[in-house]
ModelCIF file with pLDDT and N, C-alpha, C, O atoms, coordinates in Angstrom:
data_MODEL
#
_entry.id   MODEL 
#
_entity.id                         1 
_entity.type                       polymer 
_entity.pdbx_number_of_molecules   1 
#
_entity_poly.entity_id                      1 
_entity_poly.type                           'polypeptide(L)' 
_entity_poly.nstd_linkage                   no 
_entity_poly.nstd_monomer                   no 
_entity_poly.pdbx_seq_one_letter_code       
;(UNK)(UNK)(UNK)(UNK)(UNK)(UNK)(UNK)(UNK)(UNK)(UNK)(UNK)(UNK)(UNK)(UNK)(UNK)(UNK)
(UNK)(UNK)(UNK)(UNK)(UNK)(UNK)(UNK)(UNK)(UNK)(UNK)(UNK)(UNK)(UNK)(UNK)(UNK)(UNK)
(UNK)(UNK)(UNK)(UNK)(UNK)(UNK)(UNK)(UNK)(UNK)
;
_entity_poly.pdbx_seq_one_letter_code_can   XXXXXXXXXXXXXXXXXXXXXXXXXXXXXXXXXXXXXXXXX 
_entity_poly.pdbx_strand_id                 A 
#
loop_
_entity_poly_seq.entity_id 
_entity_poly_seq.num 
_entity_poly_seq.mon_id 
_entity_poly_seq.hetero 
1 1  UNK n 
1 2  UNK n 
1 3  UNK n 
1 4  UNK n 
1 5  UNK n 
1 6  UNK n 
1 7  UNK n 
1 8  UNK n 
1 9  UNK n 
1 10 UNK n 
1 11 UNK n 
1 12 UNK n 
1 13 UNK n 
1 14 UNK n 
1 15 UNK n 
1 16 UNK n 
1 17 UNK n 
1 18 UNK n 
1 19 UNK n 
1 20 UNK n 
1 21 UNK n 
1 22 UNK n 
1 23 UNK n 
1 24 UNK n 
1 25 UNK n 
1 26 UNK n 
1 27 UNK n 
1 28 UNK n 
1 29 UNK n 
1 30 UNK n 
1 31 UNK n 
1 32 UNK n 
1 33 UNK n 
1 34 UNK n 
1 35 UNK n 
1 36 UNK n 
1 37 UNK n 
1 38 UNK n 
1 39 UNK n 
1 40 UNK n 
1 41 UNK n 
#
_struct_asym.id          A 
_struct_asym.entity_id   1 
#
loop_
_ma_qa_metric.id 
_ma_qa_metric.mode 
_ma_qa_metric.name 
_ma_qa_metric.software_group_id 
_ma_qa_metric.type 
1 global pLDDT . pLDDT 
2 local  pLDDT . pLDDT 
#
_ma_qa_metric_global.metric_id      1 
_ma_qa_metric_global.metric_value   83.63 
_ma_qa_metric_global.model_id       1 
_ma_qa_metric_global.ordinal_id     1 
#
loop_
_ma_qa_metric_local.label_asym_id 
_ma_qa_metric_local.label_comp_id 
_ma_qa_metric_local.label_seq_id 
_ma_qa_metric_local.metric_id 
_ma_qa_metric_local.metric_value 
_ma_qa_metric_local.model_id 
_ma_qa_metric_local.ordinal_id 
A UNK 1  2 92.00 1 1  
A UNK 2  2 92.00 1 2  
A UNK 3  2 90.00 1 3  
A UNK 4  2 90.00 1 4  
A UNK 5  2 89.00 1 5  
A UNK 6  2 87.00 1 6  
A UNK 7  2 85.00 1 7  
A UNK 8  2 81.00 1 8  
A UNK 9  2 84.00 1 9  
A UNK 10 2 85.00 1 10 
A UNK 11 2 81.00 1 11 
A UNK 12 2 79.00 1 12 
A UNK 13 2 81.00 1 13 
A UNK 14 2 78.00 1 14 
A UNK 15 2 75.00 1 15 
A UNK 16 2 75.00 1 16 
A UNK 17 2 78.00 1 17 
A UNK 18 2 80.00 1 18 
A UNK 19 2 79.00 1 19 
A UNK 20 2 85.00 1 20 
A UNK 21 2 88.00 1 21 
A UNK 22 2 89.00 1 22 
A UNK 23 2 88.00 1 23 
A UNK 24 2 90.00 1 24 
A UNK 25 2 91.00 1 25 
A UNK 26 2 92.00 1 26 
A UNK 27 2 91.00 1 27 
A UNK 28 2 90.00 1 28 
A UNK 29 2 89.00 1 29 
A UNK 30 2 88.00 1 30 
A UNK 31 2 86.00 1 31 
A UNK 32 2 86.00 1 32 
A UNK 33 2 86.00 1 33 
A UNK 34 2 86.00 1 34 
A UNK 35 2 84.00 1 35 
A UNK 36 2 75.00 1 36 
A UNK 37 2 71.00 1 37 
A UNK 38 2 69.00 1 38 
A UNK 39 2 68.00 1 39 
A UNK 40 2 74.00 1 40 
A UNK 41 2 82.00 1 41 
#
loop_
_atom_site.group_PDB 
_atom_site.id 
_atom_site.type_symbol 
_atom_site.label_atom_id 
_atom_site.label_alt_id 
_atom_site.label_comp_id 
_atom_site.label_asym_id 
_atom_site.label_entity_id 
_atom_site.label_seq_id 
_atom_site.pdbx_PDB_ins_code 
_atom_site.Cartn_x 
_atom_site.Cartn_y 
_atom_site.Cartn_z 
_atom_site.occupancy 
_atom_site.B_iso_or_equiv 
_atom_site.pdbx_formal_charge 
_atom_site.auth_seq_id 
_atom_site.auth_comp_id 
_atom_site.auth_asym_id 
_atom_site.auth_atom_id 
_atom_site.pdbx_PDB_model_num 
ATOM 1   N N  . UNK A 1 1  ? -205.070 -3.746 -88.094 1.00 92.00 ? 1  UNK A N  1 
ATOM 2   C CA . UNK A 1 1  ? -205.930 -2.776 -88.777 1.00 92.00 ? 1  UNK A CA 1 
ATOM 3   C C  . UNK A 1 1  ? -207.238 -2.579 -88.021 1.00 92.00 ? 1  UNK A C  1 
ATOM 4   O O  . UNK A 1 1  ? -207.692 -1.445 -87.868 1.00 92.00 ? 1  UNK A O  1 
ATOM 5   N N  . UNK A 1 2  ? -207.843 -3.644 -87.555 1.00 92.00 ? 2  UNK A N  1 
ATOM 6   C CA . UNK A 1 2  ? -209.116 -3.560 -86.855 1.00 92.00 ? 2  UNK A CA 1 
ATOM 7   C C  . UNK A 1 2  ? -208.990 -2.780 -85.552 1.00 92.00 ? 2  UNK A C  1 
ATOM 8   O O  . UNK A 1 2  ? -209.899 -2.033 -85.190 1.00 92.00 ? 2  UNK A O  1 
ATOM 9   N N  . UNK A 1 3  ? -207.872 -2.944 -84.839 1.00 90.00 ? 3  UNK A N  1 
ATOM 10  C CA . UNK A 1 3  ? -207.647 -2.178 -83.616 1.00 90.00 ? 3  UNK A CA 1 
ATOM 11  C C  . UNK A 1 3  ? -207.420 -0.711 -83.943 1.00 90.00 ? 3  UNK A C  1 
ATOM 12  O O  . UNK A 1 3  ? -207.956 0.166  -83.266 1.00 90.00 ? 3  UNK A O  1 
ATOM 13  N N  . UNK A 1 4  ? -206.640 -0.442 -84.961 1.00 90.00 ? 4  UNK A N  1 
ATOM 14  C CA . UNK A 1 4  ? -206.353 0.939  -85.372 1.00 90.00 ? 4  UNK A CA 1 
ATOM 15  C C  . UNK A 1 4  ? -207.632 1.696  -85.704 1.00 90.00 ? 4  UNK A C  1 
ATOM 16  O O  . UNK A 1 4  ? -207.765 2.872  -85.365 1.00 90.00 ? 4  UNK A O  1 
ATOM 17  N N  . UNK A 1 5  ? -208.558 1.038  -86.355 1.00 89.00 ? 5  UNK A N  1 
ATOM 18  C CA . UNK A 1 5  ? -209.757 1.712  -86.841 1.00 89.00 ? 5  UNK A CA 1 
ATOM 19  C C  . UNK A 1 5  ? -210.937 1.668  -85.862 1.00 89.00 ? 5  UNK A C  1 
ATOM 20  O O  . UNK A 1 5  ? -212.023 2.153  -86.180 1.00 89.00 ? 5  UNK A O  1 
ATOM 21  N N  . UNK A 1 6  ? -210.726 1.088  -84.673 1.00 87.00 ? 6  UNK A N  1 
ATOM 22  C CA . UNK A 1 6  ? -211.770 1.118  -83.658 1.00 87.00 ? 6  UNK A CA 1 
ATOM 23  C C  . UNK A 1 6  ? -211.990 2.551  -83.183 1.00 87.00 ? 6  UNK A C  1 
ATOM 24  O O  . UNK A 1 6  ? -211.053 3.349  -83.142 1.00 87.00 ? 6  UNK A O  1 
ATOM 25  N N  . UNK A 1 7  ? -213.220 2.869  -82.830 1.00 85.00 ? 7  UNK A N  1 
ATOM 26  C CA . UNK A 1 7  ? -213.544 4.235  -82.403 1.00 85.00 ? 7  UNK A CA 1 
ATOM 27  C C  . UNK A 1 7  ? -212.867 4.577  -81.083 1.00 85.00 ? 7  UNK A C  1 
ATOM 28  O O  . UNK A 1 7  ? -212.620 3.707  -80.248 1.00 85.00 ? 7  UNK A O  1 
ATOM 29  N N  . UNK A 1 8  ? -212.571 5.865  -80.913 1.00 81.00 ? 8  UNK A N  1 
ATOM 30  C CA . UNK A 1 8  ? -211.964 6.318  -79.667 1.00 81.00 ? 8  UNK A CA 1 
ATOM 31  C C  . UNK A 1 8  ? -212.854 6.022  -78.460 1.00 81.00 ? 8  UNK A C  1 
ATOM 32  O O  . UNK A 1 8  ? -212.363 5.698  -77.378 1.00 81.00 ? 8  UNK A O  1 
ATOM 33  N N  . UNK A 1 9  ? -214.159 6.137  -78.658 1.00 84.00 ? 9  UNK A N  1 
ATOM 34  C CA . UNK A 1 9  ? -215.112 5.882  -77.573 1.00 84.00 ? 9  UNK A CA 1 
ATOM 35  C C  . UNK A 1 9  ? -214.984 4.454  -77.057 1.00 84.00 ? 9  UNK A C  1 
ATOM 36  O O  . UNK A 1 9  ? -214.930 4.221  -75.849 1.00 84.00 ? 9  UNK A O  1 
ATOM 37  N N  . UNK A 1 10 ? -214.935 3.489  -77.998 1.00 85.00 ? 10 UNK A N  1 
ATOM 38  C CA . UNK A 1 10 ? -214.831 2.086  -77.604 1.00 85.00 ? 10 UNK A CA 1 
ATOM 39  C C  . UNK A 1 10 ? -213.485 1.814  -76.927 1.00 85.00 ? 10 UNK A C  1 
ATOM 40  O O  . UNK A 1 10 ? -213.424 1.098  -75.927 1.00 85.00 ? 10 UNK A O  1 
ATOM 41  N N  . UNK A 1 11 ? -212.421 2.381  -77.467 1.00 81.00 ? 11 UNK A N  1 
ATOM 42  C CA . UNK A 1 11 ? -211.077 2.151  -76.925 1.00 81.00 ? 11 UNK A CA 1 
ATOM 43  C C  . UNK A 1 11 ? -210.975 2.688  -75.498 1.00 81.00 ? 11 UNK A C  1 
ATOM 44  O O  . UNK A 1 11 ? -210.467 1.998  -74.614 1.00 81.00 ? 11 UNK A O  1 
ATOM 45  N N  . UNK A 1 12 ? -211.453 3.908  -75.265 1.00 79.00 ? 12 UNK A N  1 
ATOM 46  C CA . UNK A 1 12 ? -211.401 4.512  -73.936 1.00 79.00 ? 12 UNK A CA 1 
ATOM 47  C C  . UNK A 1 12 ? -212.250 3.736  -72.933 1.00 79.00 ? 12 UNK A C  1 
ATOM 48  O O  . UNK A 1 12 ? -211.895 3.625  -71.759 1.00 79.00 ? 12 UNK A O  1 
ATOM 49  N N  . UNK A 1 13 ? -213.371 3.204  -73.404 1.00 81.00 ? 13 UNK A N  1 
ATOM 50  C CA . UNK A 1 13 ? -214.287 2.474  -72.540 1.00 81.00 ? 13 UNK A CA 1 
ATOM 51  C C  . UNK A 1 13 ? -213.785 1.074  -72.220 1.00 81.00 ? 13 UNK A C  1 
ATOM 52  O O  . UNK A 1 13 ? -213.982 0.574  -71.113 1.00 81.00 ? 13 UNK A O  1 
ATOM 53  N N  . UNK A 1 14 ? -213.133 0.443  -73.196 1.00 78.00 ? 14 UNK A N  1 
ATOM 54  C CA . UNK A 1 14 ? -212.804 -0.973 -73.069 1.00 78.00 ? 14 UNK A CA 1 
ATOM 55  C C  . UNK A 1 14 ? -211.337 -1.264 -72.752 1.00 78.00 ? 14 UNK A C  1 
ATOM 56  O O  . UNK A 1 14 ? -211.003 -2.382 -72.360 1.00 78.00 ? 14 UNK A O  1 
ATOM 57  N N  . UNK A 1 15 ? -210.452 -0.267 -72.917 1.00 75.00 ? 15 UNK A N  1 
ATOM 58  C CA . UNK A 1 15 ? -209.021 -0.514 -72.747 1.00 75.00 ? 15 UNK A CA 1 
ATOM 59  C C  . UNK A 1 15 ? -208.445 0.317  -71.611 1.00 75.00 ? 15 UNK A C  1 
ATOM 60  O O  . UNK A 1 15 ? -209.022 1.319  -71.189 1.00 75.00 ? 15 UNK A O  1 
ATOM 61  N N  . UNK A 1 16 ? -207.286 -0.132 -71.128 1.00 75.00 ? 16 UNK A N  1 
ATOM 62  C CA . UNK A 1 16 ? -206.526 0.661  -70.158 1.00 75.00 ? 16 UNK A CA 1 
ATOM 63  C C  . UNK A 1 16 ? -205.664 1.677  -70.905 1.00 75.00 ? 16 UNK A C  1 
ATOM 64  O O  . UNK A 1 16 ? -205.780 1.831  -72.121 1.00 75.00 ? 16 UNK A O  1 
ATOM 65  N N  . UNK A 1 17 ? -204.806 2.361  -70.165 1.00 78.00 ? 17 UNK A N  1 
ATOM 66  C CA . UNK A 1 17 ? -203.958 3.395  -70.766 1.00 78.00 ? 17 UNK A CA 1 
ATOM 67  C C  . UNK A 1 17 ? -203.045 2.811  -71.835 1.00 78.00 ? 17 UNK A C  1 
ATOM 68  O O  . UNK A 1 17 ? -202.851 3.409  -72.893 1.00 78.00 ? 17 UNK A O  1 
ATOM 69  N N  . UNK A 1 18 ? -202.481 1.627  -71.549 1.00 80.00 ? 18 UNK A N  1 
ATOM 70  C CA . UNK A 1 18 ? -201.581 0.984  -72.505 1.00 80.00 ? 18 UNK A CA 1 
ATOM 71  C C  . UNK A 1 18 ? -202.306 0.634  -73.793 1.00 80.00 ? 18 UNK A C  1 
ATOM 72  O O  . UNK A 1 18 ? -201.771 0.849  -74.881 1.00 80.00 ? 18 UNK A O  1 
ATOM 73  N N  . UNK A 1 19 ? -203.525 0.093  -73.685 1.00 79.00 ? 19 UNK A N  1 
ATOM 74  C CA . UNK A 1 19 ? -204.304 -0.239 -74.872 1.00 79.00 ? 19 UNK A CA 1 
ATOM 75  C C  . UNK A 1 19 ? -204.623 0.978  -75.709 1.00 79.00 ? 19 UNK A C  1 
ATOM 76  O O  . UNK A 1 19 ? -204.582 0.913  -76.938 1.00 79.00 ? 19 UNK A O  1 
ATOM 77  N N  . UNK A 1 20 ? -204.942 2.094  -75.061 1.00 85.00 ? 20 UNK A N  1 
ATOM 78  C CA . UNK A 1 20 ? -205.227 3.338  -75.775 1.00 85.00 ? 20 UNK A CA 1 
ATOM 79  C C  . UNK A 1 20 ? -203.989 3.845  -76.498 1.00 85.00 ? 20 UNK A C  1 
ATOM 80  O O  . UNK A 1 20 ? -204.071 4.307  -77.636 1.00 85.00 ? 20 UNK A O  1 
ATOM 81  N N  . UNK A 1 21 ? -202.831 3.757  -75.827 1.00 88.00 ? 21 UNK A N  1 
ATOM 82  C CA . UNK A 1 21 ? -201.575 4.181  -76.452 1.00 88.00 ? 21 UNK A CA 1 
ATOM 83  C C  . UNK A 1 21 ? -201.266 3.333  -77.676 1.00 88.00 ? 21 UNK A C  1 
ATOM 84  O O  . UNK A 1 21 ? -200.829 3.852  -78.703 1.00 88.00 ? 21 UNK A O  1 
ATOM 85  N N  . UNK A 1 22 ? -201.492 2.029  -77.566 1.00 89.00 ? 22 UNK A N  1 
ATOM 86  C CA . UNK A 1 22 ? -201.224 1.137  -78.690 1.00 89.00 ? 22 UNK A CA 1 
ATOM 87  C C  . UNK A 1 22 ? -202.056 1.523  -79.905 1.00 89.00 ? 22 UNK A C  1 
ATOM 88  O O  . UNK A 1 22 ? -201.544 1.585  -81.022 1.00 89.00 ? 22 UNK A O  1 
ATOM 89  N N  . UNK A 1 23 ? -203.338 1.780  -79.683 1.00 88.00 ? 23 UNK A N  1 
ATOM 90  C CA . UNK A 1 23 ? -204.226 2.174  -80.777 1.00 88.00 ? 23 UNK A CA 1 
ATOM 91  C C  . UNK A 1 23 ? -203.776 3.495  -81.403 1.00 88.00 ? 23 UNK A C  1 
ATOM 92  O O  . UNK A 1 23 ? -203.767 3.628  -82.626 1.00 88.00 ? 23 UNK A O  1 
ATOM 93  N N  . UNK A 1 24 ? -203.402 4.471  -80.569 1.00 90.00 ? 24 UNK A N  1 
ATOM 94  C CA . UNK A 1 24 ? -202.937 5.763  -81.071 1.00 90.00 ? 24 UNK A CA 1 
ATOM 95  C C  . UNK A 1 24 ? -201.654 5.607  -81.880 1.00 90.00 ? 24 UNK A C  1 
ATOM 96  O O  . UNK A 1 24 ? -201.488 6.234  -82.926 1.00 90.00 ? 24 UNK A O  1 
ATOM 97  N N  . UNK A 1 25 ? -200.757 4.770  -81.389 1.00 91.00 ? 25 UNK A N  1 
ATOM 98  C CA . UNK A 1 25 ? -199.485 4.552  -82.089 1.00 91.00 ? 25 UNK A CA 1 
ATOM 99  C C  . UNK A 1 25 ? -199.708 3.888  -83.443 1.00 91.00 ? 25 UNK A C  1 
ATOM 100 O O  . UNK A 1 25 ? -198.996 4.189  -84.401 1.00 91.00 ? 25 UNK A O  1 
ATOM 101 N N  . UNK A 1 26 ? -200.687 2.988  -83.536 1.00 92.00 ? 26 UNK A N  1 
ATOM 102 C CA . UNK A 1 26 ? -201.014 2.347  -84.812 1.00 92.00 ? 26 UNK A CA 1 
ATOM 103 C C  . UNK A 1 26 ? -201.548 3.356  -85.825 1.00 92.00 ? 26 UNK A C  1 
ATOM 104 O O  . UNK A 1 26 ? -201.481 3.132  -87.034 1.00 92.00 ? 26 UNK A O  1 
ATOM 105 N N  . UNK A 1 27 ? -202.079 4.472  -85.318 1.00 91.00 ? 27 UNK A N  1 
ATOM 106 C CA . UNK A 1 27 ? -202.577 5.543  -86.193 1.00 91.00 ? 27 UNK A CA 1 
ATOM 107 C C  . UNK A 1 27 ? -201.474 6.533  -86.576 1.00 91.00 ? 27 UNK A C  1 
ATOM 108 O O  . UNK A 1 27 ? -201.721 7.499  -87.297 1.00 91.00 ? 27 UNK A O  1 
ATOM 109 N N  . UNK A 1 28 ? -200.266 6.285  -86.091 1.00 90.00 ? 28 UNK A N  1 
ATOM 110 C CA . UNK A 1 28 ? -199.153 7.160  -86.429 1.00 90.00 ? 28 UNK A CA 1 
ATOM 111 C C  . UNK A 1 28 ? -198.947 8.311  -85.467 1.00 90.00 ? 28 UNK A C  1 
ATOM 112 O O  . UNK A 1 28 ? -198.176 9.228  -85.750 1.00 90.00 ? 28 UNK A O  1 
ATOM 113 N N  . UNK A 1 29 ? -199.634 8.273  -84.324 1.00 89.00 ? 29 UNK A N  1 
ATOM 114 C CA . UNK A 1 29 ? -199.498 9.320  -83.304 1.00 89.00 ? 29 UNK A CA 1 
ATOM 115 C C  . UNK A 1 29 ? -198.569 8.799  -82.206 1.00 89.00 ? 29 UNK A C  1 
ATOM 116 O O  . UNK A 1 29 ? -198.921 7.865  -81.486 1.00 89.00 ? 29 UNK A O  1 
ATOM 117 N N  . UNK A 1 30 ? -197.398 9.394  -82.079 1.00 88.00 ? 30 UNK A N  1 
ATOM 118 C CA . UNK A 1 30 ? -196.393 8.908  -81.146 1.00 88.00 ? 30 UNK A CA 1 
ATOM 119 C C  . UNK A 1 30 ? -196.788 9.189  -79.695 1.00 88.00 ? 30 UNK A C  1 
ATOM 120 O O  . UNK A 1 30 ? -196.997 10.340 -79.310 1.00 88.00 ? 30 UNK A O  1 
ATOM 121 N N  . UNK A 1 31 ? -196.888 8.136  -78.906 1.00 86.00 ? 31 UNK A N  1 
ATOM 122 C CA . UNK A 1 31 ? -197.227 8.239  -77.483 1.00 86.00 ? 31 UNK A CA 1 
ATOM 123 C C  . UNK A 1 31 ? -196.136 7.673  -76.581 1.00 86.00 ? 31 UNK A C  1 
ATOM 124 O O  . UNK A 1 31 ? -196.135 7.919  -75.374 1.00 86.00 ? 31 UNK A O  1 
ATOM 125 N N  . UNK A 1 32 ? -195.219 6.925  -77.156 1.00 86.00 ? 32 UNK A N  1 
ATOM 126 C CA . UNK A 1 32 ? -194.170 6.258  -76.388 1.00 86.00 ? 32 UNK A CA 1 
ATOM 127 C C  . UNK A 1 32 ? -192.820 6.752  -76.897 1.00 86.00 ? 32 UNK A C  1 
ATOM 128 O O  . UNK A 1 32 ? -192.402 6.398  -77.999 1.00 86.00 ? 32 UNK A O  1 
ATOM 129 N N  . UNK A 1 33 ? -192.139 7.568  -76.096 1.00 86.00 ? 33 UNK A N  1 
ATOM 130 C CA . UNK A 1 33 ? -190.873 8.153  -76.516 1.00 86.00 ? 33 UNK A CA 1 
ATOM 131 C C  . UNK A 1 33 ? -189.706 7.196  -76.365 1.00 86.00 ? 33 UNK A C  1 
ATOM 132 O O  . UNK A 1 33 ? -189.821 6.149  -75.727 1.00 86.00 ? 33 UNK A O  1 
ATOM 133 N N  . UNK A 1 34 ? -188.577 7.570  -76.962 1.00 86.00 ? 34 UNK A N  1 
ATOM 134 C CA . UNK A 1 34 ? -187.358 6.787  -76.837 1.00 86.00 ? 34 UNK A CA 1 
ATOM 135 C C  . UNK A 1 34 ? -186.736 7.018  -75.469 1.00 86.00 ? 34 UNK A C  1 
ATOM 136 O O  . UNK A 1 34 ? -186.637 8.157  -75.012 1.00 86.00 ? 34 UNK A O  1 
ATOM 137 N N  . UNK A 1 35 ? -186.319 5.947  -74.817 1.00 84.00 ? 35 UNK A N  1 
ATOM 138 C CA . UNK A 1 35 ? -185.642 6.032  -73.530 1.00 84.00 ? 35 UNK A CA 1 
ATOM 139 C C  . UNK A 1 35 ? -184.152 5.808  -73.767 1.00 84.00 ? 35 UNK A C  1 
ATOM 140 O O  . UNK A 1 35 ? -183.643 4.694  -73.648 1.00 84.00 ? 35 UNK A O  1 
ATOM 141 N N  . UNK A 1 36 ? -183.471 6.895  -74.105 1.00 75.00 ? 36 UNK A N  1 
ATOM 142 C CA . UNK A 1 36 ? -182.061 6.796  -74.483 1.00 75.00 ? 36 UNK A CA 1 
ATOM 143 C C  . UNK A 1 36 ? -181.110 6.779  -73.300 1.00 75.00 ? 36 UNK A C  1 
ATOM 144 O O  . UNK A 1 36 ? -179.936 6.444  -73.458 1.00 75.00 ? 36 UNK A O  1 
ATOM 145 N N  . UNK A 1 37 ? -181.592 7.133  -72.124 1.00 71.00 ? 37 UNK A N  1 
ATOM 146 C CA . UNK A 1 37 ? -180.766 7.072  -70.919 1.00 71.00 ? 37 UNK A CA 1 
ATOM 147 C C  . UNK A 1 37 ? -181.359 6.038  -69.971 1.00 71.00 ? 37 UNK A C  1 
ATOM 148 O O  . UNK A 1 37 ? -182.532 6.110  -69.605 1.00 71.00 ? 37 UNK A O  1 
ATOM 149 N N  . UNK A 1 38 ? -180.545 5.093  -69.587 1.00 69.00 ? 38 UNK A N  1 
ATOM 150 C CA . UNK A 1 38 ? -181.012 4.030  -68.704 1.00 69.00 ? 38 UNK A CA 1 
ATOM 151 C C  . UNK A 1 38 ? -180.968 4.492  -67.251 1.00 69.00 ? 38 UNK A C  1 
ATOM 152 O O  . UNK A 1 38 ? -179.966 5.041  -66.793 1.00 69.00 ? 38 UNK A O  1 
ATOM 153 N N  . UNK A 1 39 ? -182.060 4.264  -66.537 1.00 68.00 ? 39 UNK A N  1 
ATOM 154 C CA . UNK A 1 39 ? -182.136 4.643  -65.131 1.00 68.00 ? 39 UNK A CA 1 
ATOM 155 C C  . UNK A 1 39 ? -181.262 3.717  -64.285 1.00 68.00 ? 39 UNK A C  1 
ATOM 156 O O  . UNK A 1 39 ? -181.091 2.538  -64.592 1.00 68.00 ? 39 UNK A O  1 
ATOM 157 N N  . UNK A 1 40 ? -180.718 4.290  -63.213 1.00 74.00 ? 40 UNK A N  1 
ATOM 158 C CA . UNK A 1 40 ? -179.925 3.485  -62.293 1.00 74.00 ? 40 UNK A CA 1 
ATOM 159 C C  . UNK A 1 40 ? -180.788 2.391  -61.678 1.00 74.00 ? 40 UNK A C  1 
ATOM 160 O O  . UNK A 1 40 ? -181.902 2.642  -61.217 1.00 74.00 ? 40 UNK A O  1 
ATOM 161 N N  . UNK A 1 41 ? -180.257 1.184  -61.682 1.00 82.00 ? 41 UNK A N  1 
ATOM 162 C CA . UNK A 1 41 ? -181.028 0.073  -61.124 1.00 82.00 ? 41 UNK A CA 1 
ATOM 163 C C  . UNK A 1 41 ? -181.170 0.231  -59.609 1.00 82.00 ? 41 UNK A C  1 
ATOM 164 O O  . UNK A 1 41 ? -181.789 -0.609 -58.956 1.00 82.00 ? 41 UNK A O  1 
#
């Protein structure tokens, strides 16, 4: 809850792209899609 409710300014300043995505996803905004096709190794 505390991460979800942190301000966008603080998140952008203090986190990387992954951290920002996590916060957005906790707010119900989808940033990480389903990978239904597996890439060739």
